[in-house]
Amino acid sequence: MNRFKNVFVINHPLCEHNLSIIRNEKTSAEVFRSAVKRITYLLFYKASEDLQTEEITVKTPLEECTCKQLSTEKEIIIAPILRAGLIFSDIANEIMPFATVRHIGMYRDEETLTPIWYYNKTPIEFEHPENKIIFILDPMLATGNSAIDAIKLFTSKRVPQTNIRFVSLISAPEGLEKVQDLFPEVKIITASIDNCLNNHGYIRPGLGDAGDRIFNTAEN
């Protein structure tokens, strides 16, 4: 049972099937990427289900009718955490081609487990931050440190927590608890809440290093 108030786990047979593929250490990088993409569609349908819409009138080949489109008052921002988050942003761009992409670059110090920033493609301030909807993308929510830094980046620009969604493949309970304690109104969407972190801050059972497996850079 999910004990976290604002965390949504995708319980779907197709999600479970593709999770079994990406967890398998024998899965090739090509097959791994394909399975991650299939899971990403499911994650984004959940992450975007509460986006605001507005009614418009369109003319079909037969007659006029009333339809709904996403609210033009809201700007959707896709914020992948480099490098592993790029595979998520490809699918997000396909689903929401009108969105703005703001890349975030950070890597984890393997001794302290703290994030080290190296890139930030966001403006110093947002005009009308209350009208920004942020999708932060990172395949692994482990210690929660990178997630917290990424969320702080947007809350410091006065984006409301309720306008922020964090999308991940796999999450650790330790990281979820840390993020939820600081940002209880941020919506987190994940394909799995795994058992725990090991002594090196990796998720168990997990799937290894997502970036290495996506880009085929794991050392033998």
Protein backbone atom coordinates (compact mmCIF):
# COMPACT_ATOMS: atom_id res chain seq x y z
CA MET A 1 0.00 0.00 0.00
CA ASN A 2 1.24 3.49 -0.86
CA ARG A 3 1.67 5.41 2.41
CA PHE A 4 2.60 8.69 0.73
CA LYS A 5 -0.19 11.24 0.40
CA ASN A 6 0.74 12.89 -2.91
CA VAL A 7 2.60 10.06 -4.63
CA PHE A 8 0.88 8.21 -7.47
CA VAL A 9 2.09 4.80 -8.58
CA ILE A 10 1.14 3.52 -12.04
CA ASN A 11 -0.49 0.15 -11.33
CA HIS A 12 -1.01 -1.16 -14.85
CA PRO A 13 -0.14 -4.52 -16.44
CA LEU A 14 1.78 -2.86 -19.27
CA CYS A 15 3.80 -0.88 -16.75
CA GLU A 16 4.61 -4.03 -14.74
CA HIS A 17 5.63 -5.88 -17.90
CA ASN A 18 8.03 -3.16 -19.01
CA LEU A 19 9.44 -2.76 -15.51
CA SER A 20 10.45 -6.42 -15.63
CA ILE A 21 12.35 -5.68 -18.84
CA ILE A 22 14.30 -2.68 -17.55
CA ARG A 23 15.15 -4.35 -14.24
CA ASN A 24 16.76 -7.31 -16.01
CA GLU A 25 20.54 -6.90 -16.10
CA LYS A 26 20.67 -8.79 -19.41
CA THR A 27 18.45 -6.27 -21.23
CA SER A 28 20.35 -4.44 -23.99
CA ALA A 29 20.48 -0.64 -24.12
CA GLU A 30 18.24 -0.61 -27.20
CA VAL A 31 15.53 -2.74 -25.58
CA PHE A 32 15.95 -0.84 -22.30
CA ARG A 33 15.27 2.50 -24.01
CA SER A 34 12.20 1.14 -25.80
CA ALA A 35 10.73 -0.22 -22.55
CA VAL A 36 11.40 3.07 -20.73
CA LYS A 37 9.60 4.97 -23.47
CA ARG A 38 6.55 2.72 -23.16
CA ILE A 39 6.43 3.31 -19.42
CA THR A 40 6.88 7.05 -19.94
CA TYR A 41 3.63 7.33 -21.90
CA LEU A 42 1.76 5.81 -18.95
CA LEU A 43 3.51 8.12 -16.49
CA PHE A 44 2.65 11.24 -18.47
CA TYR A 45 -0.98 10.39 -18.97
CA LYS A 46 -1.24 10.24 -15.17
CA ALA A 47 0.94 13.30 -14.58
CA SER A 48 -1.11 15.44 -16.97
CA GLU A 49 -4.62 14.26 -16.09
CA ASP A 50 -5.47 17.37 -14.06
CA LEU A 51 -4.29 20.00 -16.53
CA GLN A 52 -6.84 22.77 -16.99
CA THR A 53 -8.86 22.92 -20.20
CA GLU A 54 -11.05 25.52 -21.86
CA GLU A 55 -13.88 25.20 -24.37
CA ILE A 56 -13.42 26.22 -27.99
CA THR A 57 -15.59 25.96 -31.09
CA VAL A 58 -14.23 24.16 -34.14
CA LYS A 59 -15.76 23.38 -37.51
CA THR A 60 -15.65 19.77 -38.63
CA PRO A 61 -16.23 18.82 -42.28
CA LEU A 62 -19.91 18.51 -41.29
CA GLU A 63 -20.70 21.20 -38.73
CA GLU A 64 -19.44 23.24 -35.79
CA CYS A 65 -18.94 21.59 -32.42
CA THR A 66 -17.63 22.45 -28.97
CA CYS A 67 -14.30 20.92 -27.98
CA LYS A 68 -11.83 21.29 -25.15
CA GLN A 69 -8.21 22.31 -25.39
CA LEU A 70 -5.54 22.93 -22.78
CA SER A 71 -5.86 26.32 -21.14
CA THR A 72 -3.93 29.01 -22.98
CA GLU A 73 -3.41 30.79 -19.65
CA LYS A 74 -1.02 28.09 -18.48
CA GLU A 75 2.53 27.59 -19.78
CA ILE A 76 3.73 24.01 -19.55
CA ILE A 77 7.43 23.62 -18.81
CA ILE A 78 9.28 20.33 -19.21
CA ALA A 79 12.39 20.23 -17.02
CA PRO A 80 14.51 17.10 -17.54
CA ILE A 81 17.41 16.53 -15.18
CA LEU A 82 20.39 15.72 -17.39
CA ARG A 83 21.38 13.31 -18.59
CA ALA A 84 18.98 10.44 -17.87
CA GLY A 85 15.92 12.71 -17.89
CA LEU A 86 16.39 13.30 -21.63
CA ILE A 87 14.62 10.06 -22.53
CA PHE A 88 11.55 11.33 -20.65
CA SER A 89 11.64 14.72 -22.37
CA ASP A 90 11.52 13.09 -25.82
CA ILE A 91 8.16 11.52 -24.97
CA ALA A 92 6.92 14.62 -23.14
CA ASN A 93 7.69 16.72 -26.23
CA GLU A 94 5.81 14.25 -28.39
CA ILE A 95 2.73 14.36 -26.13
CA MET A 96 2.94 18.12 -25.47
CA PRO A 97 4.77 19.68 -28.45
CA PHE A 98 3.68 23.16 -27.38
CA ALA A 99 5.57 22.93 -24.07
CA THR A 100 8.76 24.83 -23.21
CA VAL A 101 11.83 22.71 -22.36
CA ARG A 102 14.15 23.92 -19.58
CA HIS A 103 17.11 21.59 -19.09
CA ILE A 104 18.63 21.11 -15.63
CA GLY A 105 22.11 19.67 -15.29
CA MET A 106 23.34 18.02 -12.10
CA TYR A 107 25.23 14.91 -11.11
CA ARG A 108 25.63 13.14 -7.79
CA ASP A 109 28.80 13.31 -5.72
CA GLU A 110 29.30 9.62 -4.98
CA GLU A 111 30.90 10.30 -1.58
CA THR A 112 28.47 12.84 -0.13
CA LEU A 113 25.44 11.83 -2.29
CA THR A 114 24.73 15.53 -2.81
CA PRO A 115 23.89 16.98 -6.24
CA ILE A 116 26.48 19.04 -8.10
CA TRP A 117 24.98 21.62 -10.49
CA TYR A 118 26.60 22.20 -13.87
CA TYR A 119 23.76 23.53 -16.08
CA ASN A 120 20.58 25.55 -15.60
CA LYS A 121 18.48 26.65 -18.58
CA THR A 122 15.82 28.52 -16.60
CA PRO A 123 15.28 32.29 -16.41
CA ILE A 124 16.23 34.21 -13.29
CA GLU A 125 12.56 35.04 -12.75
CA PHE A 126 9.27 33.88 -14.18
CA GLU A 127 6.61 36.31 -15.28
CA HIS A 128 3.30 35.15 -13.77
CA PRO A 129 4.80 32.10 -12.01
CA GLU A 130 1.33 31.07 -10.85
CA ASN A 131 0.55 30.22 -14.48
CA LYS A 132 3.52 27.88 -14.95
CA ILE A 133 3.00 24.10 -14.82
CA ILE A 134 6.30 22.30 -14.26
CA PHE A 135 7.11 18.68 -15.10
CA ILE A 136 10.47 17.74 -13.53
CA LEU A 137 11.81 14.54 -15.11
CA ASP A 138 14.33 12.14 -13.59
CA PRO A 139 14.19 8.33 -13.94
CA MET A 140 15.43 7.66 -10.40
CA LEU A 141 14.23 9.28 -7.18
CA ALA A 142 16.74 7.76 -4.76
CA THR A 143 18.02 9.90 -1.87
CA GLY A 144 15.72 12.73 -2.95
CA ASN A 145 18.54 15.28 -2.93
CA SER A 146 18.44 16.04 -6.66
CA ALA A 147 14.65 16.15 -6.64
CA ILE A 148 14.67 18.64 -3.77
CA ASP A 149 17.20 20.89 -5.48
CA ALA A 150 15.20 20.81 -8.72
CA ILE A 151 11.93 21.61 -6.95
CA LYS A 152 13.60 24.43 -4.99
CA LEU A 153 14.78 25.91 -8.30
CA PHE A 154 11.15 26.50 -9.28
CA THR A 155 9.64 27.33 -5.89
CA SER A 156 12.38 29.99 -5.52
CA LYS A 157 10.89 31.56 -8.65
CA ARG A 158 7.51 31.60 -6.84
CA VAL A 159 5.96 28.69 -8.75
CA PRO A 160 3.36 27.14 -6.39
CA GLN A 161 4.05 23.60 -5.21
CA THR A 162 0.67 22.55 -6.57
CA ASN A 163 1.89 23.47 -10.07
CA ILE A 164 4.88 21.10 -9.91
CA ARG A 165 4.93 17.41 -10.88
CA PHE A 166 7.95 15.16 -10.41
CA VAL A 167 8.01 12.17 -12.78
CA SER A 168 10.25 9.15 -12.13
CA LEU A 169 10.55 5.52 -13.18
CA ILE A 170 11.52 4.12 -9.79
CA SER A 171 11.51 5.73 -6.35
CA ALA A 172 12.93 4.86 -2.96
CA PRO A 173 10.80 5.37 0.16
CA GLU A 174 13.63 7.31 1.84
CA GLY A 175 13.71 9.84 -0.99
CA LEU A 176 9.94 10.10 -1.23
CA GLU A 177 9.67 10.81 2.48
CA LYS A 178 12.34 13.51 2.30
CA VAL A 179 10.71 15.24 -0.68
CA GLN A 180 7.21 15.01 0.77
CA ASP A 181 8.36 16.44 4.11
CA LEU A 182 9.69 19.56 2.39
CA PHE A 183 7.20 19.81 -0.47
CA PRO A 184 3.97 18.06 0.54
CA GLU A 185 1.94 19.63 -2.28
CA VAL A 186 4.23 18.55 -5.12
CA LYS A 187 2.69 15.67 -7.07
CA ILE A 188 5.05 12.73 -7.63
CA ILE A 189 4.27 10.15 -10.33
CA THR A 190 6.31 6.95 -10.42
CA ALA A 191 6.13 3.45 -11.85
CA SER A 192 7.34 1.78 -8.65
CA ILE A 193 8.19 2.40 -5.00
CA ASP A 194 11.05 0.01 -4.36
CA ASN A 195 12.27 -1.45 -1.06
CA CYS A 196 15.06 0.81 0.14
CA LEU A 197 18.44 2.39 -0.57
CA ASN A 198 21.71 0.51 -0.17
CA ASN A 199 24.79 1.94 1.58
CA HIS A 200 25.83 3.70 -1.64
CA GLY A 201 22.49 5.46 -2.12
CA TYR A 202 21.28 3.19 -4.92
CA ILE A 203 17.71 1.93 -5.05
CA ARG A 204 17.08 -1.74 -4.23
CA PRO A 205 16.14 -3.80 -6.16
CA GLY A 206 16.22 -0.94 -8.67
CA LEU A 207 17.65 -1.29 -12.17
CA GLY A 208 21.22 -0.06 -11.82
CA ASP A 209 22.32 3.34 -13.14
CA ALA A 210 19.55 4.56 -15.45
CA GLY A 211 21.82 6.92 -17.39
CA ASP A 212 24.42 4.25 -18.08
CA ARG A 213 21.78 1.77 -19.21
CA ILE A 214 19.99 4.32 -21.42
CA PHE A 215 23.17 5.53 -23.12
CA ASN A 216 25.04 2.20 -23.00
CA THR A 217 27.97 3.63 -21.02
CA ALA A 218 28.11 1.07 -18.20
CA GLU A 219 31.60 -0.32 -17.62
CA ASN A 220 31.95 -4.09 -17.77
